[in-house]
Amino acid sequence: MQKVNTIEEFTQLLNENDKLFLLKNSTTCPVSHEAYKEFTKFAEAEPGGTFFYLNVQEARPLSNAIAEQFEVKHESPQALLYSGGKIVWHASHWNVTASKLKAEWNKL
């Protein structure tokens, strides 16, 4: 997993990867902490995958830009699956589990 902080970094990732997962994470929320652990568990089981995260407190402009550009309500934690530069699936809070992430990732 790689941390993303800026709009420019994220735009480059979208341009370079046909599919990727992004987790919006809060560093102060216990639910986000659990989602982060699930996301990490999933990412570690999928070598070679394109998995990224941002901490909303540190990357608020990026988090807001994603919500606006892709017309998806901001939530934290929130997992966003991109394919072809578009969001094809997203989930938040307790719905961010390793098994759900894997199921959606494998659909593509």
PDB file of N, CA and C in Angstrom:
ATOM      1  N   MET A   1       0.846  -1.186   0.000  1.00  0.00           N
ATOM      2  CA  MET A   1       0.000   0.000   0.000  1.00  0.00           C
ATOM      3  C   MET A   1       0.882   1.236   0.000  1.00  0.00           C
ATOM      4  N   GLN A   2       0.429   2.200  -0.738  1.00  0.00           N
ATOM      5  CA  GLN A   2       1.182   3.444  -0.841  1.00  0.00           C
ATOM      6  C   GLN A   2       0.273   4.597  -0.445  1.00  0.00           C
ATOM      7  N   LYS A   3       0.823   5.522   0.312  1.00  0.00           N
ATOM      8  CA  LYS A   3       0.082   6.702   0.748  1.00  0.00           C
ATOM      9  C   LYS A   3       0.080   7.746  -0.366  1.00  0.00           C
ATOM     10  N   VAL A   4      -1.066   8.380  -0.554  1.00  0.00           N
ATOM     11  CA  VAL A   4      -1.223   9.434  -1.558  1.00  0.00           C
ATOM     12  C   VAL A   4      -1.623  10.701  -0.813  1.00  0.00           C
ATOM     13  N   ASN A   5      -1.021  11.825  -1.175  1.00  0.00           N
ATOM     14  CA  ASN A   5      -1.293  13.073  -0.466  1.00  0.00           C
ATOM     15  C   ASN A   5      -1.863  14.191  -1.323  1.00  0.00           C
ATOM     16  N   THR A   6      -1.569  14.156  -2.625  1.00  0.00           N
ATOM     17  CA  THR A   6      -1.947  15.300  -3.451  1.00  0.00           C
ATOM     18  C   THR A   6      -2.842  14.894  -4.623  1.00  0.00           C
ATOM     19  N   ILE A   7      -3.553  15.865  -5.133  1.00  0.00           N
ATOM     20  CA  ILE A   7      -4.404  15.657  -6.307  1.00  0.00           C
ATOM     21  C   ILE A   7      -3.544  15.229  -7.492  1.00  0.00           C
ATOM     22  N   GLU A   8      -2.381  15.826  -7.631  1.00  0.00           N
ATOM     23  CA  GLU A   8      -1.487  15.499  -8.739  1.00  0.00           C
ATOM     24  C   GLU A   8      -1.021  14.053  -8.664  1.00  0.00           C
ATOM     25  N   GLU A   9      -0.648  13.604  -7.467  1.00  0.00           N
ATOM     26  CA  GLU A   9      -0.229  12.208  -7.302  1.00  0.00           C
ATOM     27  C   GLU A   9      -1.362  11.253  -7.681  1.00  0.00           C
ATOM     28  N   PHE A  10      -2.562  11.565  -7.209  1.00  0.00           N
ATOM     29  CA  PHE A  10      -3.685  10.684  -7.472  1.00  0.00           C
ATOM     30  C   PHE A  10      -4.056  10.667  -8.951  1.00  0.00           C
ATOM     31  N   THR A  11      -4.025  11.812  -9.596  1.00  0.00           N
ATOM     32  CA  THR A  11      -4.310  11.884 -11.028  1.00  0.00           C
ATOM     33  C   THR A  11      -3.321  11.032 -11.808  1.00  0.00           C
ATOM     34  N   GLN A  12      -2.067  11.096 -11.435  1.00  0.00           N
ATOM     35  CA  GLN A  12      -1.038  10.287 -12.091  1.00  0.00           C
ATOM     36  C   GLN A  12      -1.315   8.795 -11.888  1.00  0.00           C
ATOM     37  N   LEU A  13      -1.711   8.414 -10.673  1.00  0.00           N
ATOM     38  CA  LEU A  13      -2.028   7.002 -10.404  1.00  0.00           C
ATOM     39  C   LEU A  13      -3.193   6.522 -11.259  1.00  0.00           C
ATOM     40  N   LEU A  14      -4.218   7.341 -11.393  1.00  0.00           N
ATOM     41  CA  LEU A  14      -5.364   6.971 -12.231  1.00  0.00           C
ATOM     42  C   LEU A  14      -4.951   6.803 -13.689  1.00  0.00           C
ATOM     43  N   ASN A  15      -4.042   7.651 -14.143  1.00  0.00           N
ATOM     44  CA  ASN A  15      -3.586   7.579 -15.532  1.00  0.00           C
ATOM     45  C   ASN A  15      -2.686   6.369 -15.788  1.00  0.00           C
ATOM     46  N   GLU A  16      -1.977   5.926 -14.757  1.00  0.00           N
ATOM     47  CA  GLU A  16      -1.000   4.840 -14.920  1.00  0.00           C
ATOM     48  C   GLU A  16      -1.563   3.454 -14.628  1.00  0.00           C
ATOM     49  N   ASN A  17      -2.721   3.374 -13.969  1.00  0.00           N
ATOM     50  CA  ASN A  17      -3.256   2.080 -13.544  1.00  0.00           C
ATOM     51  C   ASN A  17      -4.680   1.899 -14.049  1.00  0.00           C
ATOM     52  N   ASP A  18      -4.915   0.764 -14.702  1.00  0.00           N
ATOM     53  CA  ASP A  18      -6.262   0.500 -15.193  1.00  0.00           C
ATOM     54  C   ASP A  18      -7.228   0.263 -14.040  1.00  0.00           C
ATOM     55  N   LYS A  19      -6.745  -0.382 -12.980  1.00  0.00           N
ATOM     56  CA  LYS A  19      -7.601  -0.554 -11.807  1.00  0.00           C
ATOM     57  C   LYS A  19      -6.783  -0.324 -10.552  1.00  0.00           C
ATOM     58  N   LEU A  20      -7.443   0.280  -9.577  1.00  0.00           N
ATOM     59  CA  LEU A  20      -6.788   0.522  -8.291  1.00  0.00           C
ATOM     60  C   LEU A  20      -7.838   0.688  -7.209  1.00  0.00           C
ATOM     61  N   PHE A  21      -7.406   0.399  -5.989  1.00  0.00           N
ATOM     62  CA  PHE A  21      -8.236   0.622  -4.813  1.00  0.00           C
ATOM     63  C   PHE A  21      -7.643   1.770  -4.024  1.00  0.00           C
ATOM     64  N   LEU A  22      -8.513   2.618  -3.507  1.00  0.00           N
ATOM     65  CA  LEU A  22      -8.105   3.715  -2.635  1.00  0.00           C
ATOM     66  C   LEU A  22      -8.930   3.653  -1.362  1.00  0.00           C
ATOM     67  N   LEU A  23      -8.267   3.791  -0.236  1.00  0.00           N
ATOM     68  CA  LEU A  23      -8.953   3.871   1.050  1.00  0.00           C
ATOM     69  C   LEU A  23      -8.801   5.281   1.599  1.00  0.00           C
ATOM     70  N   LYS A  24      -9.931   5.905   1.902  1.00  0.00           N
ATOM     71  CA  LYS A  24      -9.920   7.169   2.636  1.00  0.00           C
ATOM     72  C   LYS A  24      -9.988   6.795   4.115  1.00  0.00           C
ATOM     73  N   ASN A  25      -9.021   7.257   4.860  1.00  0.00           N
ATOM     74  CA  ASN A  25      -8.855   6.832   6.238  1.00  0.00           C
ATOM     75  C   ASN A  25      -8.738   8.035   7.166  1.00  0.00           C
ATOM     76  N   SER A  26      -9.379   7.937   8.312  1.00  0.00           N
ATOM     77  CA  SER A  26      -9.217   8.949   9.354  1.00  0.00           C
ATOM     78  C   SER A  26      -8.277   8.395  10.410  1.00  0.00           C
ATOM     79  N   THR A  27      -7.333   9.198  10.818  1.00  0.00           N
ATOM     80  CA  THR A  27      -6.362   8.739  11.816  1.00  0.00           C
ATOM     81  C   THR A  27      -6.898   8.842  13.238  1.00  0.00           C
ATOM     82  N   THR A  28      -8.094   9.396  13.407  1.00  0.00           N
ATOM     83  CA  THR A  28      -8.637   9.577  14.754  1.00  0.00           C
ATOM     84  C   THR A  28      -9.898   8.756  15.028  1.00  0.00           C
ATOM     85  N   CYS A  29     -10.362   8.003  14.056  1.00  0.00           N
ATOM     86  CA  CYS A  29     -11.628   7.284  14.173  1.00  0.00           C
ATOM     87  C   CYS A  29     -11.383   5.779  14.357  1.00  0.00           C
ATOM     88  N   PRO A  30     -11.967   5.183  15.387  1.00  0.00           N
ATOM     89  CA  PRO A  30     -11.792   3.740  15.603  1.00  0.00           C
ATOM     90  C   PRO A  30     -12.349   2.886  14.455  1.00  0.00           C
ATOM     91  N   VAL A  31     -13.442   3.306  13.844  1.00  0.00           N
ATOM     92  CA  VAL A  31     -13.997   2.556  12.719  1.00  0.00           C
ATOM     93  C   VAL A  31     -13.021   2.605  11.542  1.00  0.00           C
ATOM     94  N   SER A  32     -12.414   3.752  11.311  1.00  0.00           N
ATOM     95  CA  SER A  32     -11.410   3.874  10.252  1.00  0.00           C
ATOM     96  C   SER A  32     -10.212   2.978  10.538  1.00  0.00           C
ATOM     97  N   HIS A  33      -9.841   2.894  11.776  1.00  0.00           N
ATOM     98  CA  HIS A  33      -8.708   2.045  12.147  1.00  0.00           C
ATOM     99  C   HIS A  33      -8.999   0.587  11.778  1.00  0.00           C
ATOM    100  N   GLU A  34     -10.200   0.133  12.053  1.00  0.00           N
ATOM    101  CA  GLU A  34     -10.590  -1.238  11.714  1.00  0.00           C
ATOM    102  C   GLU A  34     -10.623  -1.437  10.201  1.00  0.00           C
ATOM    103  N   ALA A  35     -11.149  -0.459   9.472  1.00  0.00           N
ATOM    104  CA  ALA A  35     -11.182  -0.545   8.012  1.00  0.00           C
ATOM    105  C   ALA A  35      -9.763  -0.565   7.441  1.00  0.00           C
ATOM    106  N   TYR A  36      -8.880   0.218   8.021  1.00  0.00           N
ATOM    107  CA  TYR A  36      -7.486   0.239   7.584  1.00  0.00           C
ATOM    108  C   TYR A  36      -6.852  -1.138   7.766  1.00  0.00           C
ATOM    109  N   LYS A  37      -7.132  -1.772   8.889  1.00  0.00           N
ATOM    110  CA  LYS A  37      -6.607  -3.118   9.135  1.00  0.00           C
ATOM    111  C   LYS A  37      -7.157  -4.111   8.104  1.00  0.00           C
ATOM    112  N   GLU A  38      -8.436  -4.006   7.774  1.00  0.00           N
ATOM    113  CA  GLU A  38      -9.040  -4.886   6.769  1.00  0.00           C
ATOM    114  C   GLU A  38      -8.430  -4.629   5.389  1.00  0.00           C
ATOM    115  N   PHE A  39      -8.247  -3.365   5.059  1.00  0.00           N
ATOM    116  CA  PHE A  39      -7.661  -2.989   3.775  1.00  0.00           C
ATOM    117  C   PHE A  39      -6.235  -3.529   3.674  1.00  0.00           C
ATOM    118  N   THR A  40      -5.475  -3.397   4.743  1.00  0.00           N
ATOM    119  CA  THR A  40      -4.104  -3.898   4.788  1.00  0.00           C
ATOM    120  C   THR A  40      -4.081  -5.408   4.628  1.00  0.00           C
ATOM    121  N   LYS A  41      -4.956  -6.095   5.331  1.00  0.00           N
ATOM    122  CA  LYS A  41      -5.057  -7.559   5.233  1.00  0.00           C
ATOM    123  C   LYS A  41      -5.331  -7.977   3.787  1.00  0.00           C
ATOM    124  N   PHE A  42      -6.272  -7.310   3.144  1.00  0.00           N
ATOM    125  CA  PHE A  42      -6.597  -7.588   1.744  1.00  0.00           C
ATOM    126  C   PHE A  42      -5.396  -7.325   0.846  1.00  0.00           C
ATOM    127  N   ALA A  43      -4.772  -6.157   1.004  1.00  0.00           N
ATOM    128  CA  ALA A  43      -3.656  -5.770   0.137  1.00  0.00           C
ATOM    129  C   ALA A  43      -2.483  -6.737   0.268  1.00  0.00           C
ATOM    130  N   GLU A  44      -2.208  -7.191   1.472  1.00  0.00           N
ATOM    131  CA  GLU A  44      -1.095  -8.116   1.682  1.00  0.00           C
ATOM    132  C   GLU A  44      -1.355  -9.471   1.033  1.00  0.00           C
ATOM    133  N   ALA A  45      -2.609  -9.832   0.852  1.00  0.00           N
ATOM    134  CA  ALA A  45      -2.969 -11.114   0.240  1.00  0.00           C
ATOM    135  C   ALA A  45      -3.017 -11.035  -1.289  1.00  0.00           C
ATOM    136  N   GLU A  46      -2.835  -9.846  -1.848  1.00  0.00           N
ATOM    137  CA  GLU A  46      -2.915  -9.637  -3.297  1.00  0.00           C
ATOM    138  C   GLU A  46      -1.616  -9.002  -3.800  1.00  0.00           C
ATOM    139  N   PRO A  47      -0.552  -9.777  -3.871  1.00  0.00           N
ATOM    140  CA  PRO A  47       0.724  -9.194  -4.315  1.00  0.00           C
ATOM    141  C   PRO A  47       0.607  -8.630  -5.731  1.00  0.00           C
ATOM    142  N   GLY A  48       1.230  -7.510  -5.917  1.00  0.00           N
ATOM    143  CA  GLY A  48       1.203  -6.877  -7.229  1.00  0.00           C
ATOM    144  C   GLY A  48      -0.012  -5.999  -7.475  1.00  0.00           C
ATOM    145  N   GLY A  49      -0.909  -5.929  -6.492  1.00  0.00           N
ATOM    146  CA  GLY A  49      -2.097  -5.092  -6.636  1.00  0.00           C
ATOM    147  C   GLY A  49      -1.757  -3.621  -6.503  1.00  0.00           C
ATOM    148  N   THR A  50      -2.651  -2.789  -6.943  1.00  0.00           N
ATOM    149  CA  THR A  50      -2.457  -1.352  -6.888  1.00  0.00           C
ATOM    150  C   THR A  50      -3.384  -0.789  -5.813  1.00  0.00           C
ATOM    151  N   PHE A  51      -2.843  -0.672  -4.612  1.00  0.00           N
ATOM    152  CA  PHE A  51      -3.615  -0.284  -3.438  1.00  0.00           C
ATOM    153  C   PHE A  51      -2.999   0.961  -2.800  1.00  0.00           C
ATOM    154  N   PHE A  52      -3.862   1.947  -2.578  1.00  0.00           N
ATOM    155  CA  PHE A  52      -3.403   3.228  -2.065  1.00  0.00           C
ATOM    156  C   PHE A  52      -4.332   3.693  -0.957  1.00  0.00           C
ATOM    157  N   TYR A  53      -3.849   4.619  -0.151  1.00  0.00           N
ATOM    158  CA  TYR A  53      -4.678   5.196   0.895  1.00  0.00           C
ATOM    159  C   TYR A  53      -4.315   6.646   1.096  1.00  0.00           C
ATOM    160  N   LEU A  54      -5.253   7.366   1.670  1.00  0.00           N
ATOM    161  CA  LEU A  54      -4.980   8.736   2.089  1.00  0.00           C
ATOM    162  C   LEU A  54      -5.550   8.918   3.482  1.00  0.00           C
ATOM    163  N   ASN A  55      -4.887   9.738   4.246  1.00  0.00           N
ATOM    164  CA  ASN A  55      -5.392  10.131   5.556  1.00  0.00           C
ATOM    165  C   ASN A  55      -6.105  11.463   5.377  1.00  0.00           C
ATOM    166  N   VAL A  56      -7.408  11.479   5.688  1.00  0.00           N
ATOM    167  CA  VAL A  56      -8.201  12.665   5.392  1.00  0.00           C
ATOM    168  C   VAL A  56      -7.700  13.906   6.128  1.00  0.00           C
ATOM    169  N   GLN A  57      -7.156  13.740   7.310  1.00  0.00           N
ATOM    170  CA  GLN A  57      -6.653  14.902   8.034  1.00  0.00           C
ATOM    171  C   GLN A  57      -5.440  15.528   7.348  1.00  0.00           C
ATOM    172  N   GLU A  58      -4.668  14.713   6.662  1.00  0.00           N
ATOM    173  CA  GLU A  58      -3.441  15.184   6.017  1.00  0.00           C
ATOM    174  C   GLU A  58      -3.657  15.551   4.547  1.00  0.00           C
ATOM    175  N   ALA A  59      -4.699  15.030   3.947  1.00  0.00           N
ATOM    176  CA  ALA A  59      -4.918  15.230   2.512  1.00  0.00           C
ATOM    177  C   ALA A  59      -6.356  15.669   2.243  1.00  0.00           C
ATOM    178  N   ARG A  60      -6.829  16.612   3.008  1.00  0.00           N
ATOM    179  CA  ARG A  60      -8.210  17.084   2.862  1.00  0.00           C
ATOM    180  C   ARG A  60      -8.510  17.593   1.453  1.00  0.00           C
ATOM    181  N   PRO A  61      -7.615  18.394   0.819  1.00  0.00           N
ATOM    182  CA  PRO A  61      -7.920  18.844  -0.543  1.00  0.00           C
ATOM    183  C   PRO A  61      -8.115  17.674  -1.516  1.00  0.00           C
ATOM    184  N   LEU A  62      -7.301  16.632  -1.401  1.00  0.00           N
ATOM    185  CA  LEU A  62      -7.454  15.464  -2.259  1.00  0.00           C
ATOM    186  C   LEU A  62      -8.758  14.744  -1.963  1.00  0.00           C
ATOM    187  N   SER A  63      -9.057  14.543  -0.706  1.00  0.00           N
ATOM    188  CA  SER A  63     -10.295  13.871  -0.318  1.00  0.00           C
ATOM    189  C   SER A  63     -11.512  14.611  -0.857  1.00  0.00           C
ATOM    190  N   ASN A  64     -11.516  15.921  -0.711  1.00  0.00           N
ATOM    191  CA  ASN A  64     -12.628  16.735  -1.219  1.00  0.00           C
ATOM    192  C   ASN A  64     -12.710  16.691  -2.745  1.00  0.00           C
ATOM    193  N   ALA A  65     -11.553  16.730  -3.403  1.00  0.00           N
ATOM    194  CA  ALA A  65     -11.528  16.705  -4.864  1.00  0.00           C
ATOM    195  C   ALA A  65     -12.090  15.390  -5.399  1.00  0.00           C
ATOM    196  N   ILE A  66     -11.776  14.288  -4.735  1.00  0.00           N
ATOM    197  CA  ILE A  66     -12.298  12.989  -5.156  1.00  0.00           C
ATOM    198  C   ILE A  66     -13.815  12.975  -5.034  1.00  0.00           C
ATOM    199  N   ALA A  67     -14.325  13.448  -3.910  1.00  0.00           N
ATOM    200  CA  ALA A  67     -15.780  13.484  -3.711  1.00  0.00           C
ATOM    201  C   ALA A  67     -16.455  14.319  -4.795  1.00  0.00           C
ATOM    202  N   GLU A  68     -15.868  15.450  -5.107  1.00  0.00           N
ATOM    203  CA  GLU A  68     -16.458  16.347  -6.104  1.00  0.00           C
ATOM    204  C   GLU A  68     -16.323  15.799  -7.524  1.00  0.00           C
ATOM    205  N   GLN A  69     -15.118  15.392  -7.889  1.00  0.00           N
ATOM    206  CA  GLN A  69     -14.864  14.939  -9.265  1.00  0.00           C
ATOM    207  C   GLN A  69     -15.657  13.681  -9.610  1.00  0.00           C
ATOM    208  N   PHE A  70     -15.752  12.754  -8.659  1.00  0.00           N
ATOM    209  CA  PHE A  70     -16.391  11.471  -8.953  1.00  0.00           C
ATOM    210  C   PHE A  70     -17.816  11.375  -8.414  1.00  0.00           C
ATOM    211  N   GLU A  71     -18.300  12.486  -7.877  1.00  0.00           N
ATOM    212  CA  GLU A  71     -19.674  12.597  -7.395  1.00  0.00           C
ATOM    213  C   GLU A  71     -20.056  11.457  -6.456  1.00  0.00           C
ATOM    214  N   VAL A  72     -19.176  11.226  -5.487  1.00  0.00           N
ATOM    215  CA  VAL A  72     -19.434  10.235  -4.448  1.00  0.00           C
ATOM    216  C   VAL A  72     -19.289  10.936  -3.106  1.00  0.00           C
ATOM    217  N   LYS A  73     -20.318  10.813  -2.292  1.00  0.00           N
ATOM    218  CA  LYS A  73     -20.319  11.475  -0.989  1.00  0.00           C
ATOM    219  C   LYS A  73     -19.095  11.052  -0.176  1.00  0.00           C
ATOM    220  N   HIS A  74     -18.423  12.033   0.412  1.00  0.00           N
ATOM    221  CA  HIS A  74     -17.263  11.739   1.256  1.00  0.00           C
ATOM    222  C   HIS A  74     -17.709  11.004   2.511  1.00  0.00           C
ATOM    223  N   GLU A  75     -17.033   9.909   2.783  1.00  0.00           N
ATOM    224  CA  GLU A  75     -17.202   9.203   4.036  1.00  0.00           C
ATOM    225  C   GLU A  75     -15.832   8.736   4.473  1.00  0.00           C
ATOM    226  N   SER A  76     -15.710   8.451   5.742  1.00  0.00           N
ATOM    227  CA  SER A  76     -14.444   7.943   6.255  1.00  0.00           C
ATOM    228  C   SER A  76     -14.744   6.996   7.412  1.00  0.00           C
ATOM    229  N   PRO A  77     -14.289   5.784   7.249  1.00  0.00           N
ATOM    230  CA  PRO A  77     -13.481   5.234   6.168  1.00  0.00           C
ATOM    231  C   PRO A  77     -14.320   4.993   4.926  1.00  0.00           C
ATOM    232  N   GLN A  78     -13.626   4.964   3.806  1.00  0.00           N
ATOM    233  CA  GLN A  78     -14.300   4.728   2.533  1.00  0.00           C
ATOM    234  C   GLN A  78     -13.318   4.070   1.573  1.00  0.00           C
ATOM    235  N   ALA A  79     -13.734   2.944   0.999  1.00  0.00           N
ATOM    236  CA  ALA A  79     -12.941   2.259  -0.018  1.00  0.00           C
ATOM    237  C   ALA A  79     -13.548   2.555  -1.378  1.00  0.00           C
ATOM    238  N   LEU A  80     -12.693   2.912  -2.317  1.00  0.00           N
ATOM    239  CA  LEU A  80     -13.118   3.263  -3.673  1.00  0.00           C
ATOM    240  C   LEU A  80     -12.343   2.402  -4.665  1.00  0.00           C
ATOM    241  N   LEU A  81     -13.065   1.668  -5.492  1.00  0.00           N
ATOM    242  CA  LEU A  81     -12.441   0.853  -6.521  1.00  0.00           C
ATOM    243  C   LEU A  81     -12.599   1.567  -7.863  1.00  0.00           C
ATOM    244  N   TYR A  82     -11.463   1.804  -8.512  1.00  0.00           N
ATOM    245  CA  TYR A  82     -11.439   2.486  -9.802  1.00  0.00           C
ATOM    246  C   TYR A  82     -11.072   1.503 -10.901  1.00  0.00           C
ATOM    247  N   SER A  83     -11.731   1.642 -12.025  1.00  0.00           N
ATOM    248  CA  SER A  83     -11.383   0.897 -13.230  1.00  0.00           C
ATOM    249  C   SER A  83     -11.562   1.846 -14.404  1.00  0.00           C
ATOM    250  N   GLY A  84     -10.535   1.943 -15.229  1.00  0.00           N
ATOM    251  CA  GLY A  84     -10.605   2.859 -16.369  1.00  0.00           C
ATOM    252  C   GLY A  84     -10.797   4.303 -15.960  1.00  0.00           C
ATOM    253  N   GLY A  85     -10.289   4.665 -14.781  1.00  0.00           N
ATOM    254  CA  GLY A  85     -10.386   6.048 -14.311  1.00  0.00           C
ATOM    255  C   GLY A  85     -11.717   6.425 -13.695  1.00  0.00           C
ATOM    256  N   LYS A  86     -12.620   5.442 -13.511  1.00  0.00           N
ATOM    257  CA  LYS A  86     -13.937   5.710 -12.932  1.00  0.00           C
ATOM    258  C   LYS A  86     -14.175   4.821 -11.713  1.00  0.00           C
ATOM    259  N   ILE A  87     -14.956   5.323 -10.783  1.00  0.00           N
ATOM    260  CA  ILE A  87     -15.332   4.510  -9.629  1.00  0.00           C
ATOM    261  C   ILE A  87     -16.360   3.480 -10.078  1.00  0.00           C
ATOM    262  N   VAL A  88     -16.051   2.216  -9.819  1.00  0.00           N
ATOM    263  CA  VAL A  88     -16.973   1.140 -10.184  1.00  0.00           C
ATOM    264  C   VAL A  88     -17.608   0.499  -8.955  1.00  0.00           C
ATOM    265  N   TRP A  89     -17.071   0.805  -7.776  1.00  0.00           N
ATOM    266  CA  TRP A  89     -17.617   0.267  -6.526  1.00  0.00           C
ATOM    267  C   TRP A  89     -17.055   1.100  -5.385  1.00  0.00           C
ATOM    268  N   HIS A  90     -17.861   1.273  -4.353  1.00  0.00           N
ATOM    269  CA  HIS A  90     -17.353   1.913  -3.142  1.00  0.00           C
ATOM    270  C   HIS A  90     -18.150   1.426  -1.943  1.00  0.00           C
ATOM    271  N   ALA A  91     -17.513   1.491  -0.796  1.00  0.00           N
ATOM    272  CA  ALA A  91     -18.145   1.073   0.459  1.00  0.00           C
ATOM    273  C   ALA A  91     -17.553   1.912   1.581  1.00  0.00           C
ATOM    274  N   SER A  92     -18.287   1.979   2.679  1.00  0.00           N
ATOM    275  CA  SER A  92     -17.785   2.755   3.805  1.00  0.00           C
ATOM    276  C   SER A  92     -18.052   2.051   5.127  1.00  0.00           C
ATOM    277  N   HIS A  93     -17.421   2.577   6.128  1.00  0.00           N
ATOM    278  CA  HIS A  93     -17.560   2.133   7.509  1.00  0.00           C
ATOM    279  C   HIS A  93     -17.376   0.620   7.642  1.00  0.00           C
ATOM    280  N   TRP A  94     -18.307  -0.064   8.274  1.00  0.00           N
ATOM    281  CA  TRP A  94     -18.154  -1.495   8.562  1.00  0.00           C
ATOM    282  C   TRP A  94     -18.269  -2.360   7.314  1.00  0.00           C
ATOM    283  N   ASN A  95     -18.596  -1.778   6.170  1.00  0.00           N
ATOM    284  CA  ASN A  95     -18.658  -2.535   4.925  1.00  0.00           C
ATOM    285  C   ASN A  95     -17.302  -2.665   4.243  1.00  0.00           C
ATOM    286  N   VAL A  96     -16.276  -2.053   4.823  1.00  0.00           N
ATOM    287  CA  VAL A  96     -14.918  -2.185   4.291  1.00  0.00           C
ATOM    288  C   VAL A  96     -14.282  -3.386   4.984  1.00  0.00           C
ATOM    289  N   THR A  97     -14.415  -4.531   4.343  1.00  0.00           N
ATOM    290  CA  THR A  97     -13.836  -5.772   4.878  1.00  0.00           C
ATOM    291  C   THR A  97     -12.947  -6.404   3.814  1.00  0.00           C
ATOM    292  N   ALA A  98     -11.980  -7.180   4.276  1.00  0.00           N
ATOM    293  CA  ALA A  98     -11.062  -7.843   3.345  1.00  0.00           C
ATOM    294  C   ALA A  98     -11.827  -8.719   2.364  1.00  0.00           C
ATOM    295  N   SER A  99     -12.844  -9.419   2.822  1.00  0.00           N
ATOM    296  CA  SER A  99     -13.585 -10.321   1.930  1.00  0.00           C
ATOM    297  C   SER A  99     -14.369  -9.541   0.876  1.00  0.00           C
ATOM    298  N   LYS A 100     -14.977  -8.432   1.251  1.00  0.00           N
ATOM    299  CA  LYS A 100     -15.714  -7.630   0.262  1.00  0.00           C
ATOM    300  C   LYS A 100     -14.763  -6.971  -0.728  1.00  0.00           C
ATOM    301  N   LEU A 101     -13.648  -6.473  -0.239  1.00  0.00           N
ATOM    302  CA  LEU A 101     -12.644  -5.872  -1.125  1.00  0.00           C
ATOM    303  C   LEU A 101     -12.152  -6.891  -2.146  1.00  0.00           C
ATOM    304  N   LYS A 102     -11.842  -8.101  -1.673  1.00  0.00           N
ATOM    305  CA  LYS A 102     -11.358  -9.149  -2.549  1.00  0.00           C
ATOM    306  C   LYS A 102     -12.399  -9.522  -3.597  1.00  0.00           C
ATOM    307  N   ALA A 103     -13.640  -9.666  -3.177  1.00  0.00           N
ATOM    308  CA  ALA A 103     -14.715 -10.037  -4.103  1.00  0.00           C
ATOM    309  C   ALA A 103     -14.851  -8.999  -5.220  1.00  0.00           C
ATOM    310  N   GLU A 104     -14.817  -7.735  -4.875  1.00  0.00           N
ATOM    311  CA  GLU A 104     -14.968  -6.684  -5.885  1.00  0.00           C
ATOM    312  C   GLU A 104     -13.733  -6.586  -6.775  1.00  0.00           C
ATOM    313  N   TRP A 105     -12.544  -6.713  -6.181  1.00  0.00           N
ATOM    314  CA  TRP A 105     -11.302  -6.657  -6.935  1.00  0.00           C
ATOM    315  C   TRP A 105     -11.259  -7.770  -7.978  1.00  0.00           C
ATOM    316  N   ASN A 106     -11.701  -8.945  -7.588  1.00  0.00           N
ATOM    317  CA  ASN A 106     -11.639 -10.098  -8.492  1.00  0.00           C
ATOM    318  C   ASN A 106     -12.702 -10.069  -9.586  1.00  0.00           C
ATOM    319  N   LYS A 107     -13.705  -9.216  -9.456  1.00  0.00           N
ATOM    320  CA  LYS A 107     -14.713  -9.079 -10.502  1.00  0.00           C
ATOM    321  C   LYS A 107     -14.140  -8.417 -11.751  1.00  0.00           C
ATOM    322  N   LEU A 108     -13.076  -7.628 -11.556  1.00  0.00           N
ATOM    323  CA  LEU A 108     -12.503  -6.879 -12.688  1.00  0.00           C
ATOM    324  C   LEU A 108     -11.394  -7.668 -13.377  1.00  0.00           C
TER     325      LEU A 108
END
